[in-house]
Amino acid sequence: MKGVYFQPDNVLGRVSQQASFPDNTYGADSDGDPTAIPDLTFEQFKEFHAKFYHPSNARVWFYGDDDPNQRLRIISAYLDEFEANSASKESEVKVQKLFNEPKRVVETYAVGDRAENARKHMVAINWVLSDTVLDPESELALVFGSFDAWDSWFFIAESTDGERTRRIHDWRWYGR
């Protein structure tokens, strides 16, 4: 687990998320901070797992053209065995408030011992785009457009004439 904390891309991603979302779940380290894990007791771990890795906190998606009523009967037979708990309410992701001014975060990362690595740098520019819940279409557009700056620019610049998916796919093959 510690290896991921030293890979430059992962360091950049983690620091970006923590800086962009300090007030909600997205700013938390989903794997746990390796420096804090030794202080976690087995009882705390079991309590957290029992609470949040519980069907009350599950989201279920169905896909296909089978009978939806049969799907619901199957899932109900499984979920009816459990008592509901408060996990889904407690784990709700709160909306991140917009910042009043730009934030600057500087972090270091390991680059190895080779001399050519001594001047390696990475830069990320992040925005929290809204402090309200977005409509599903806007949210989906931002999710698909957020993989990197070039994809975001290209995706947002496209029209909604039904050719968007093909053109983005074709564009990715052209290289950068």
N, C-alpha and C. Protein backbone atom coordinates (compact mmCIF):
# COMPACT_ATOMS: atom_id res chain seq x y z
N MET A 1 0.81 -1.19 0.00
CA MET A 1 0.00 0.00 0.00
C MET A 1 0.86 1.26 0.00
N LYS A 2 1.98 1.22 0.69
CA LYS A 2 2.80 2.43 0.76
C LYS A 2 3.34 2.85 -0.60
N GLY A 3 3.57 1.90 -1.52
CA GLY A 3 4.12 2.22 -2.82
C GLY A 3 3.31 3.27 -3.57
N VAL A 4 1.99 3.18 -3.47
CA VAL A 4 1.13 4.12 -4.17
C VAL A 4 1.31 5.54 -3.64
N TYR A 5 1.76 5.68 -2.42
CA TYR A 5 1.93 7.01 -1.83
C TYR A 5 3.22 7.68 -2.28
N PHE A 6 4.04 6.97 -3.02
CA PHE A 6 5.30 7.54 -3.47
C PHE A 6 5.36 7.70 -4.99
N GLN A 7 4.38 7.17 -5.70
CA GLN A 7 4.35 7.33 -7.15
C GLN A 7 3.90 8.76 -7.46
N PRO A 8 4.68 9.50 -8.24
CA PRO A 8 4.38 10.92 -8.47
C PRO A 8 2.96 11.23 -8.93
N ASP A 9 2.42 10.47 -9.87
CA ASP A 9 1.07 10.73 -10.34
C ASP A 9 0.04 10.56 -9.22
N ASN A 10 0.25 9.57 -8.38
CA ASN A 10 -0.67 9.33 -7.27
C ASN A 10 -0.56 10.42 -6.21
N VAL A 11 0.66 10.89 -5.95
CA VAL A 11 0.85 11.99 -5.01
C VAL A 11 0.11 13.23 -5.52
N LEU A 12 0.27 13.53 -6.80
CA LEU A 12 -0.39 14.69 -7.39
C LEU A 12 -1.91 14.56 -7.29
N GLY A 13 -2.43 13.41 -7.62
CA GLY A 13 -3.87 13.20 -7.55
C GLY A 13 -4.41 13.31 -6.14
N ARG A 14 -3.72 12.71 -5.18
CA ARG A 14 -4.18 12.76 -3.80
C ARG A 14 -4.14 14.17 -3.25
N VAL A 15 -3.04 14.89 -3.49
CA VAL A 15 -2.91 16.26 -3.00
C VAL A 15 -3.96 17.16 -3.66
N SER A 16 -4.20 16.96 -4.96
CA SER A 16 -5.22 17.75 -5.66
C SER A 16 -6.60 17.53 -5.05
N GLN A 17 -6.95 16.28 -4.79
CA GLN A 17 -8.26 16.00 -4.21
C GLN A 17 -8.38 16.58 -2.81
N GLN A 18 -7.35 16.42 -2.00
CA GLN A 18 -7.41 16.94 -0.64
C GLN A 18 -7.51 18.46 -0.62
N ALA A 19 -6.83 19.13 -1.55
CA ALA A 19 -6.88 20.59 -1.60
C ALA A 19 -8.21 21.08 -2.16
N SER A 20 -8.79 20.36 -3.11
CA SER A 20 -10.03 20.78 -3.74
C SER A 20 -11.26 20.48 -2.89
N PHE A 21 -11.20 19.42 -2.09
CA PHE A 21 -12.36 18.99 -1.32
C PHE A 21 -12.03 18.80 0.16
N PRO A 22 -11.60 19.84 0.84
CA PRO A 22 -11.21 19.68 2.24
C PRO A 22 -12.39 19.43 3.18
N ASP A 23 -13.61 19.73 2.74
CA ASP A 23 -14.76 19.66 3.63
C ASP A 23 -15.66 18.45 3.41
N ASN A 24 -15.29 17.55 2.51
CA ASN A 24 -16.15 16.39 2.32
C ASN A 24 -15.34 15.12 2.07
N THR A 25 -16.04 14.05 1.82
CA THR A 25 -15.45 12.72 1.68
C THR A 25 -14.38 12.65 0.60
N TYR A 26 -14.55 13.42 -0.49
CA TYR A 26 -13.59 13.34 -1.59
C TYR A 26 -12.20 13.83 -1.18
N GLY A 27 -12.09 14.57 -0.10
CA GLY A 27 -10.79 15.02 0.38
C GLY A 27 -10.12 14.00 1.29
N ALA A 28 -10.85 12.98 1.68
CA ALA A 28 -10.31 11.96 2.58
C ALA A 28 -9.58 10.88 1.78
N ASP A 29 -8.61 10.28 2.37
CA ASP A 29 -7.85 9.21 1.74
C ASP A 29 -8.63 7.91 1.91
N SER A 30 -9.14 7.36 0.82
CA SER A 30 -10.00 6.18 0.91
C SER A 30 -9.29 4.96 1.45
N ASP A 31 -7.97 4.89 1.31
CA ASP A 31 -7.22 3.75 1.82
C ASP A 31 -6.76 3.95 3.25
N GLY A 32 -6.91 5.14 3.75
CA GLY A 32 -6.39 5.45 5.08
C GLY A 32 -4.97 5.96 4.98
N ASP A 33 -4.64 6.91 5.78
CA ASP A 33 -3.30 7.48 5.81
C ASP A 33 -2.36 6.48 6.48
N PRO A 34 -1.33 6.02 5.77
CA PRO A 34 -0.43 5.01 6.34
C PRO A 34 0.20 5.45 7.67
N THR A 35 0.36 6.75 7.86
CA THR A 35 0.95 7.20 9.13
C THR A 35 -0.05 7.09 10.28
N ALA A 36 -1.36 7.07 9.98
CA ALA A 36 -2.38 6.98 11.02
C ALA A 36 -2.86 5.55 11.26
N ILE A 37 -2.67 4.68 10.29
CA ILE A 37 -3.18 3.31 10.41
C ILE A 37 -2.64 2.58 11.64
N PRO A 38 -1.37 2.73 12.03
CA PRO A 38 -0.92 2.03 13.24
C PRO A 38 -1.69 2.42 14.51
N ASP A 39 -2.33 3.60 14.51
CA ASP A 39 -3.11 4.03 15.68
C ASP A 39 -4.53 3.49 15.66
N LEU A 40 -4.94 2.88 14.55
CA LEU A 40 -6.29 2.34 14.42
C LEU A 40 -6.37 1.01 15.16
N THR A 41 -7.31 0.90 16.08
CA THR A 41 -7.48 -0.36 16.80
C THR A 41 -8.31 -1.32 15.95
N PHE A 42 -8.21 -2.59 16.27
CA PHE A 42 -8.99 -3.59 15.54
C PHE A 42 -10.48 -3.35 15.77
N GLU A 43 -10.85 -2.94 16.98
CA GLU A 43 -12.26 -2.65 17.27
C GLU A 43 -12.77 -1.48 16.42
N GLN A 44 -11.97 -0.42 16.27
CA GLN A 44 -12.37 0.71 15.44
C GLN A 44 -12.55 0.27 13.99
N PHE A 45 -11.62 -0.55 13.52
CA PHE A 45 -11.69 -1.06 12.16
C PHE A 45 -12.97 -1.88 11.96
N LYS A 46 -13.25 -2.79 12.88
CA LYS A 46 -14.45 -3.63 12.78
C LYS A 46 -15.72 -2.79 12.82
N GLU A 47 -15.77 -1.79 13.69
CA GLU A 47 -16.93 -0.92 13.80
C GLU A 47 -17.17 -0.14 12.51
N PHE A 48 -16.09 0.43 11.96
CA PHE A 48 -16.20 1.17 10.70
C PHE A 48 -16.70 0.26 9.59
N HIS A 49 -16.10 -0.92 9.47
CA HIS A 49 -16.49 -1.86 8.42
C HIS A 49 -17.94 -2.29 8.57
N ALA A 50 -18.36 -2.65 9.77
CA ALA A 50 -19.73 -3.10 9.99
C ALA A 50 -20.74 -2.01 9.66
N LYS A 51 -20.36 -0.76 9.91
CA LYS A 51 -21.28 0.34 9.67
C LYS A 51 -21.36 0.75 8.21
N PHE A 52 -20.21 0.95 7.58
CA PHE A 52 -20.21 1.53 6.24
C PHE A 52 -20.15 0.51 5.11
N TYR A 53 -19.68 -0.69 5.38
CA TYR A 53 -19.70 -1.75 4.36
C TYR A 53 -20.91 -2.65 4.64
N HIS A 54 -22.05 -2.01 4.64
CA HIS A 54 -23.32 -2.62 5.00
C HIS A 54 -24.30 -2.37 3.86
N PRO A 55 -25.24 -3.28 3.63
CA PRO A 55 -26.22 -3.07 2.56
C PRO A 55 -26.99 -1.75 2.67
N SER A 56 -27.12 -1.19 3.86
CA SER A 56 -27.81 0.10 4.00
C SER A 56 -27.08 1.21 3.25
N ASN A 57 -25.81 0.98 2.99
CA ASN A 57 -24.98 1.99 2.32
C ASN A 57 -24.69 1.60 0.87
N ALA A 58 -25.43 0.63 0.37
CA ALA A 58 -25.19 0.12 -0.99
C ALA A 58 -26.01 0.88 -2.02
N ARG A 59 -25.50 0.92 -3.22
CA ARG A 59 -26.23 1.41 -4.38
C ARG A 59 -26.26 0.24 -5.36
N VAL A 60 -27.44 -0.05 -5.89
CA VAL A 60 -27.60 -1.20 -6.76
C VAL A 60 -28.06 -0.71 -8.13
N TRP A 61 -27.35 -1.16 -9.18
CA TRP A 61 -27.71 -0.84 -10.56
C TRP A 61 -28.06 -2.13 -11.27
N PHE A 62 -29.07 -2.05 -12.10
CA PHE A 62 -29.45 -3.19 -12.93
C PHE A 62 -29.19 -2.84 -14.38
N TYR A 63 -28.90 -3.86 -15.15
CA TYR A 63 -28.68 -3.67 -16.57
C TYR A 63 -29.24 -4.87 -17.31
N GLY A 64 -29.89 -4.64 -18.41
CA GLY A 64 -30.40 -5.73 -19.22
C GLY A 64 -31.88 -5.58 -19.48
N ASP A 65 -32.42 -6.54 -20.19
CA ASP A 65 -33.83 -6.45 -20.56
C ASP A 65 -34.68 -7.53 -19.90
N ASP A 66 -34.18 -8.06 -18.76
CA ASP A 66 -34.97 -9.04 -18.05
C ASP A 66 -36.07 -8.34 -17.25
N ASP A 67 -36.90 -9.11 -16.60
CA ASP A 67 -38.07 -8.59 -15.88
C ASP A 67 -37.63 -7.78 -14.65
N PRO A 68 -37.94 -6.47 -14.60
CA PRO A 68 -37.53 -5.65 -13.46
C PRO A 68 -38.16 -6.11 -12.14
N ASN A 69 -39.36 -6.65 -12.18
CA ASN A 69 -39.99 -7.14 -10.95
C ASN A 69 -39.24 -8.34 -10.39
N GLN A 70 -38.75 -9.20 -11.29
CA GLN A 70 -37.96 -10.35 -10.83
C GLN A 70 -36.65 -9.88 -10.22
N ARG A 71 -36.04 -8.86 -10.81
CA ARG A 71 -34.81 -8.29 -10.24
C ARG A 71 -35.05 -7.82 -8.82
N LEU A 72 -36.14 -7.08 -8.65
CA LEU A 72 -36.44 -6.53 -7.33
C LEU A 72 -36.73 -7.64 -6.32
N ARG A 73 -37.39 -8.71 -6.75
CA ARG A 73 -37.62 -9.84 -5.84
C ARG A 73 -36.30 -10.47 -5.41
N ILE A 74 -35.38 -10.63 -6.35
CA ILE A 74 -34.08 -11.24 -6.03
C ILE A 74 -33.30 -10.38 -5.04
N ILE A 75 -33.21 -9.08 -5.33
CA ILE A 75 -32.44 -8.21 -4.44
C ILE A 75 -33.13 -8.07 -3.10
N SER A 76 -34.45 -8.05 -3.09
CA SER A 76 -35.19 -7.94 -1.84
C SER A 76 -34.95 -9.17 -0.96
N ALA A 77 -34.91 -10.35 -1.56
CA ALA A 77 -34.66 -11.58 -0.78
C ALA A 77 -33.32 -11.50 -0.07
N TYR A 78 -32.35 -10.86 -0.70
CA TYR A 78 -31.04 -10.71 -0.07
C TYR A 78 -31.05 -9.60 0.97
N LEU A 79 -31.55 -8.43 0.61
CA LEU A 79 -31.48 -7.27 1.51
C LEU A 79 -32.41 -7.38 2.71
N ASP A 80 -33.50 -8.12 2.59
CA ASP A 80 -34.43 -8.25 3.70
C ASP A 80 -33.81 -8.93 4.91
N GLU A 81 -32.68 -9.60 4.74
CA GLU A 81 -32.00 -10.27 5.86
C GLU A 81 -31.30 -9.27 6.79
N PHE A 82 -31.16 -8.01 6.36
CA PHE A 82 -30.41 -7.02 7.12
C PHE A 82 -31.32 -5.96 7.74
N GLU A 83 -30.90 -5.47 8.90
CA GLU A 83 -31.56 -4.32 9.52
C GLU A 83 -30.92 -3.06 8.97
N ALA A 84 -31.72 -2.06 8.69
CA ALA A 84 -31.19 -0.79 8.18
C ALA A 84 -30.36 -0.11 9.26
N ASN A 85 -29.32 0.61 8.85
CA ASN A 85 -28.56 1.43 9.80
C ASN A 85 -28.41 2.84 9.22
N SER A 86 -27.71 3.69 9.90
CA SER A 86 -27.60 5.10 9.50
C SER A 86 -26.46 5.37 8.53
N ALA A 87 -25.81 4.36 8.03
CA ALA A 87 -24.62 4.55 7.20
C ALA A 87 -24.89 5.41 5.97
N SER A 88 -26.01 5.20 5.29
CA SER A 88 -26.24 5.94 4.05
C SER A 88 -26.39 7.44 4.33
N LYS A 89 -26.98 7.80 5.45
CA LYS A 89 -27.11 9.22 5.78
C LYS A 89 -25.76 9.78 6.24
N GLU A 90 -25.03 9.03 7.05
CA GLU A 90 -23.75 9.50 7.57
C GLU A 90 -22.66 9.57 6.50
N SER A 91 -22.79 8.76 5.46
CA SER A 91 -21.76 8.77 4.42
C SER A 91 -22.15 9.63 3.22
N GLU A 92 -23.23 10.36 3.35
CA GLU A 92 -23.66 11.26 2.27
C GLU A 92 -22.55 12.27 1.98
N VAL A 93 -22.27 12.46 0.71
CA VAL A 93 -21.21 13.39 0.32
C VAL A 93 -21.78 14.80 0.33
N LYS A 94 -21.23 15.63 1.17
CA LYS A 94 -21.66 17.03 1.27
C LYS A 94 -21.08 17.82 0.10
N VAL A 95 -21.79 18.86 -0.31
CA VAL A 95 -21.32 19.72 -1.39
C VAL A 95 -20.16 20.56 -0.86
N GLN A 96 -19.10 20.65 -1.64
CA GLN A 96 -17.94 21.47 -1.27
C GLN A 96 -18.26 22.93 -1.52
N LYS A 97 -18.06 23.77 -0.53
CA LYS A 97 -18.25 25.22 -0.71
C LYS A 97 -17.16 25.74 -1.64
N LEU A 98 -17.51 26.74 -2.44
CA LEU A 98 -16.53 27.37 -3.31
C LEU A 98 -15.54 28.16 -2.48
N PHE A 99 -14.34 28.30 -2.97
CA PHE A 99 -13.29 29.05 -2.27
C PHE A 99 -13.44 30.54 -2.57
N ASN A 100 -13.11 31.37 -1.60
CA ASN A 100 -13.17 32.83 -1.79
C ASN A 100 -11.99 33.34 -2.59
N GLU A 101 -10.91 32.61 -2.59
CA GLU A 101 -9.71 33.02 -3.31
C GLU A 101 -8.94 31.78 -3.72
N PRO A 102 -8.04 31.90 -4.68
CA PRO A 102 -7.25 30.74 -5.11
C PRO A 102 -6.41 30.19 -3.96
N LYS A 103 -6.21 28.88 -4.00
CA LYS A 103 -5.34 28.21 -3.04
C LYS A 103 -4.10 27.74 -3.78
N ARG A 104 -2.99 27.82 -3.11
CA ARG A 104 -1.74 27.30 -3.69
C ARG A 104 -1.22 26.23 -2.74
N VAL A 105 -0.95 25.07 -3.29
CA VAL A 105 -0.44 23.95 -2.51
C VAL A 105 0.84 23.48 -3.17
N VAL A 106 1.89 23.35 -2.41
CA VAL A 106 3.16 22.84 -2.92
C VAL A 106 3.47 21.56 -2.15
N GLU A 107 3.76 20.52 -2.89
CA GLU A 107 4.04 19.22 -2.28
C GLU A 107 5.25 18.62 -2.97
N THR A 108 6.00 17.83 -2.27
CA THR A 108 7.16 17.16 -2.87
C THR A 108 6.81 15.70 -3.17
N TYR A 109 7.57 15.10 -4.06
CA TYR A 109 7.41 13.70 -4.36
C TYR A 109 8.77 13.12 -4.73
N ALA A 110 8.91 11.82 -4.57
CA ALA A 110 10.18 11.15 -4.86
C ALA A 110 10.38 11.03 -6.36
N VAL A 111 11.60 11.34 -6.83
CA VAL A 111 11.91 11.21 -8.25
C VAL A 111 13.07 10.25 -8.51
N GLY A 112 13.64 9.71 -7.49
CA GLY A 112 14.75 8.79 -7.67
C GLY A 112 16.09 9.50 -7.56
N ASP A 113 17.16 8.74 -7.71
CA ASP A 113 18.51 9.26 -7.50
C ASP A 113 19.18 9.78 -8.75
N ARG A 114 18.62 9.53 -9.91
CA ARG A 114 19.30 9.90 -11.15
C ARG A 114 19.29 11.42 -11.34
N ALA A 115 20.38 11.96 -11.83
CA ALA A 115 20.56 13.41 -11.98
C ALA A 115 19.49 14.03 -12.88
N GLU A 116 19.08 13.33 -13.95
CA GLU A 116 18.09 13.91 -14.86
C GLU A 116 16.71 14.06 -14.21
N ASN A 117 16.51 13.40 -13.09
CA ASN A 117 15.24 13.51 -12.37
C ASN A 117 15.20 14.70 -11.41
N ALA A 118 16.33 15.32 -11.17
CA ALA A 118 16.42 16.37 -10.15
C ALA A 118 15.53 17.57 -10.45
N ARG A 119 15.23 17.83 -11.72
CA ARG A 119 14.43 19.01 -12.06
C ARG A 119 13.04 18.64 -12.58
N LYS A 120 12.54 17.50 -12.18
CA LYS A 120 11.20 17.08 -12.62
C LYS A 120 10.14 17.82 -11.80
N HIS A 121 9.11 18.29 -12.49
CA HIS A 121 8.03 19.01 -11.84
C HIS A 121 6.70 18.56 -12.42
N MET A 122 5.64 18.72 -11.65
CA MET A 122 4.28 18.51 -12.12
C MET A 122 3.45 19.67 -11.60
N VAL A 123 2.46 20.05 -12.37
CA VAL A 123 1.56 21.13 -11.98
C VAL A 123 0.13 20.67 -12.22
N ALA A 124 -0.75 20.97 -11.30
CA ALA A 124 -2.17 20.70 -11.49
C ALA A 124 -2.93 21.98 -11.18
N ILE A 125 -3.89 22.27 -12.00
CA ILE A 125 -4.80 23.39 -11.74
C ILE A 125 -6.19 22.79 -11.62
N ASN A 126 -6.83 23.03 -10.50
CA ASN A 126 -8.12 22.40 -10.22
C ASN A 126 -9.16 23.46 -9.93
N TRP A 127 -10.41 23.16 -10.27
CA TRP A 127 -11.52 24.04 -9.95
C TRP A 127 -12.62 23.24 -9.29
N VAL A 128 -13.25 23.83 -8.29
CA VAL A 128 -14.52 23.34 -7.78
C VAL A 128 -15.54 24.15 -8.56
N LEU A 129 -16.31 23.50 -9.41
CA LEU A 129 -17.13 24.20 -10.39
C LEU A 129 -18.49 24.66 -9.89
N SER A 130 -18.99 24.05 -8.84
CA SER A 130 -20.31 24.42 -8.37
C SER A 130 -20.45 24.06 -6.89
N ASP A 131 -21.19 24.89 -6.17
CA ASP A 131 -21.47 24.54 -4.77
C ASP A 131 -22.95 24.17 -4.61
N THR A 132 -23.58 23.80 -5.72
CA THR A 132 -24.94 23.29 -5.69
C THR A 132 -24.95 21.96 -6.44
N VAL A 133 -25.97 21.17 -6.19
CA VAL A 133 -26.12 19.90 -6.88
C VAL A 133 -26.49 20.20 -8.33
N LEU A 134 -25.77 19.58 -9.26
CA LEU A 134 -26.01 19.81 -10.69
C LEU A 134 -27.09 18.87 -11.22
N ASP A 135 -27.71 19.26 -12.31
CA ASP A 135 -28.65 18.36 -12.96
C ASP A 135 -27.83 17.20 -13.56
N PRO A 136 -28.46 16.04 -13.75
CA PRO A 136 -27.71 14.85 -14.19
C PRO A 136 -26.94 15.05 -15.49
N GLU A 137 -27.49 15.76 -16.48
CA GLU A 137 -26.79 15.94 -17.74
C GLU A 137 -25.51 16.76 -17.56
N SER A 138 -25.58 17.84 -16.78
CA SER A 138 -24.39 18.67 -16.53
C SER A 138 -23.34 17.88 -15.77
N GLU A 139 -23.78 17.13 -14.78
CA GLU A 139 -22.84 16.35 -13.99
C GLU A 139 -22.14 15.30 -14.85
N LEU A 140 -22.90 14.62 -15.69
CA LEU A 140 -22.33 13.61 -16.57
C LEU A 140 -21.32 14.23 -17.54
N ALA A 141 -21.66 15.39 -18.08
CA ALA A 141 -20.75 16.07 -19.00
C ALA A 141 -19.45 16.43 -18.30
N LEU A 142 -19.52 16.90 -17.07
CA LEU A 142 -18.31 17.25 -16.34
C LEU A 142 -17.49 16.02 -15.97
N VAL A 143 -18.15 14.94 -15.63
CA VAL A 143 -17.42 13.71 -15.29
C VAL A 143 -16.67 13.19 -16.50
N PHE A 144 -17.34 13.10 -17.65
CA PHE A 144 -16.68 12.59 -18.84
C PHE A 144 -15.62 13.56 -19.35
N GLY A 145 -15.79 14.82 -19.08
CA GLY A 145 -14.84 15.81 -19.57
C GLY A 145 -13.71 16.10 -18.63
N SER A 146 -13.62 15.39 -17.51
CA SER A 146 -12.62 15.75 -16.50
C SER A 146 -11.39 14.86 -16.47
N PHE A 147 -11.21 14.00 -17.45
CA PHE A 147 -10.08 13.08 -17.38
C PHE A 147 -8.74 13.78 -17.50
N ASP A 148 -8.64 14.79 -18.29
CA ASP A 148 -7.47 15.67 -18.26
C ASP A 148 -7.83 16.96 -18.99
N ALA A 149 -6.98 17.94 -18.92
CA ALA A 149 -7.33 19.27 -19.43
C ALA A 149 -7.67 19.24 -20.91
N TRP A 150 -6.93 18.47 -21.71
CA TRP A 150 -7.22 18.43 -23.14
C TRP A 150 -8.56 17.80 -23.40
N ASP A 151 -8.86 16.70 -22.73
CA ASP A 151 -10.17 16.07 -22.91
C ASP A 151 -11.28 17.01 -22.47
N SER A 152 -11.09 17.73 -21.35
CA SER A 152 -12.11 18.64 -20.86
C SER A 152 -12.37 19.73 -21.88
N TRP A 153 -11.31 20.34 -22.40
CA TRP A 153 -11.47 21.42 -23.37
C TRP A 153 -12.20 20.90 -24.60
N PHE A 154 -11.76 19.75 -25.08
CA PHE A 154 -12.33 19.20 -26.30
C PHE A 154 -13.79 18.83 -26.09
N PHE A 155 -14.07 18.19 -24.97
CA PHE A 155 -15.44 17.74 -24.69
C PHE A 155 -16.38 18.92 -24.56
N ILE A 156 -16.00 19.92 -23.83
CA ILE A 156 -16.87 21.07 -23.61
C ILE A 156 -17.05 21.85 -24.91
N ALA A 157 -16.04 21.86 -25.78
CA ALA A 157 -16.12 22.61 -27.02
C ALA A 157 -17.03 21.94 -28.05
N GLU A 158 -17.33 20.67 -27.88
CA GLU A 158 -18.15 19.97 -28.86
C GLU A 158 -19.61 20.39 -28.76
N SER A 159 -20.33 20.26 -29.86
CA SER A 159 -21.76 20.55 -29.86
C SER A 159 -22.51 19.31 -29.40
N THR A 160 -23.80 19.44 -29.26
CA THR A 160 -24.62 18.32 -28.80
C THR A 160 -25.43 17.74 -29.97
N ASP A 161 -24.81 17.59 -31.13
CA ASP A 161 -25.54 17.15 -32.32
C ASP A 161 -25.56 15.63 -32.50
N GLY A 162 -25.20 14.88 -31.48
CA GLY A 162 -25.24 13.43 -31.58
C GLY A 162 -23.95 12.81 -32.08
N GLU A 163 -23.00 13.61 -32.53
CA GLU A 163 -21.74 13.08 -33.04
C GLU A 163 -20.63 13.18 -32.00
N ARG A 164 -20.95 13.67 -30.81
CA ARG A 164 -19.94 13.93 -29.79
C ARG A 164 -19.09 12.70 -29.49
N THR A 165 -19.71 11.58 -29.23
CA THR A 165 -18.95 10.40 -28.83
C THR A 165 -17.98 9.97 -29.92
N ARG A 166 -18.43 9.92 -31.17
CA ARG A 166 -17.55 9.49 -32.25
C ARG A 166 -16.38 10.44 -32.41
N ARG A 167 -16.63 11.74 -32.37
CA ARG A 167 -15.55 12.70 -32.58
C ARG A 167 -14.54 12.66 -31.44
N ILE A 168 -15.00 12.51 -30.23
CA ILE A 168 -14.05 12.41 -29.12
C ILE A 168 -13.21 11.15 -29.29
N HIS A 169 -13.85 10.05 -29.63
CA HIS A 169 -13.11 8.80 -29.83
C HIS A 169 -12.08 8.97 -30.95
N ASP A 170 -12.50 9.55 -32.07
CA ASP A 170 -11.57 9.76 -33.18
C ASP A 170 -10.42 10.67 -32.76
N TRP A 171 -10.72 11.73 -32.04
CA TRP A 171 -9.72 12.69 -31.61
C TRP A 171 -8.65 12.05 -30.75
N ARG A 172 -9.06 11.14 -29.88
CA ARG A 172 -8.09 10.48 -29.01
C ARG A 172 -7.06 9.69 -29.84
N TRP A 173 -7.46 9.18 -31.00
CA TRP A 173 -6.54 8.40 -31.81
C TRP A 173 -5.57 9.27 -32.59
N TYR A 174 -5.85 10.54 -32.73
CA TYR A 174 -4.94 11.42 -33.47
C TYR A 174 -3.66 11.70 -32.69
N GLY A 175 -3.68 11.47 -31.41
CA GLY A 175 -2.52 11.81 -30.59
C GLY A 175 -2.53 13.27 -30.24
N ARG A 176 -1.54 13.67 -29.45
CA ARG A 176 -1.51 15.07 -28.98
C ARG A 176 -0.24 15.73 -29.41
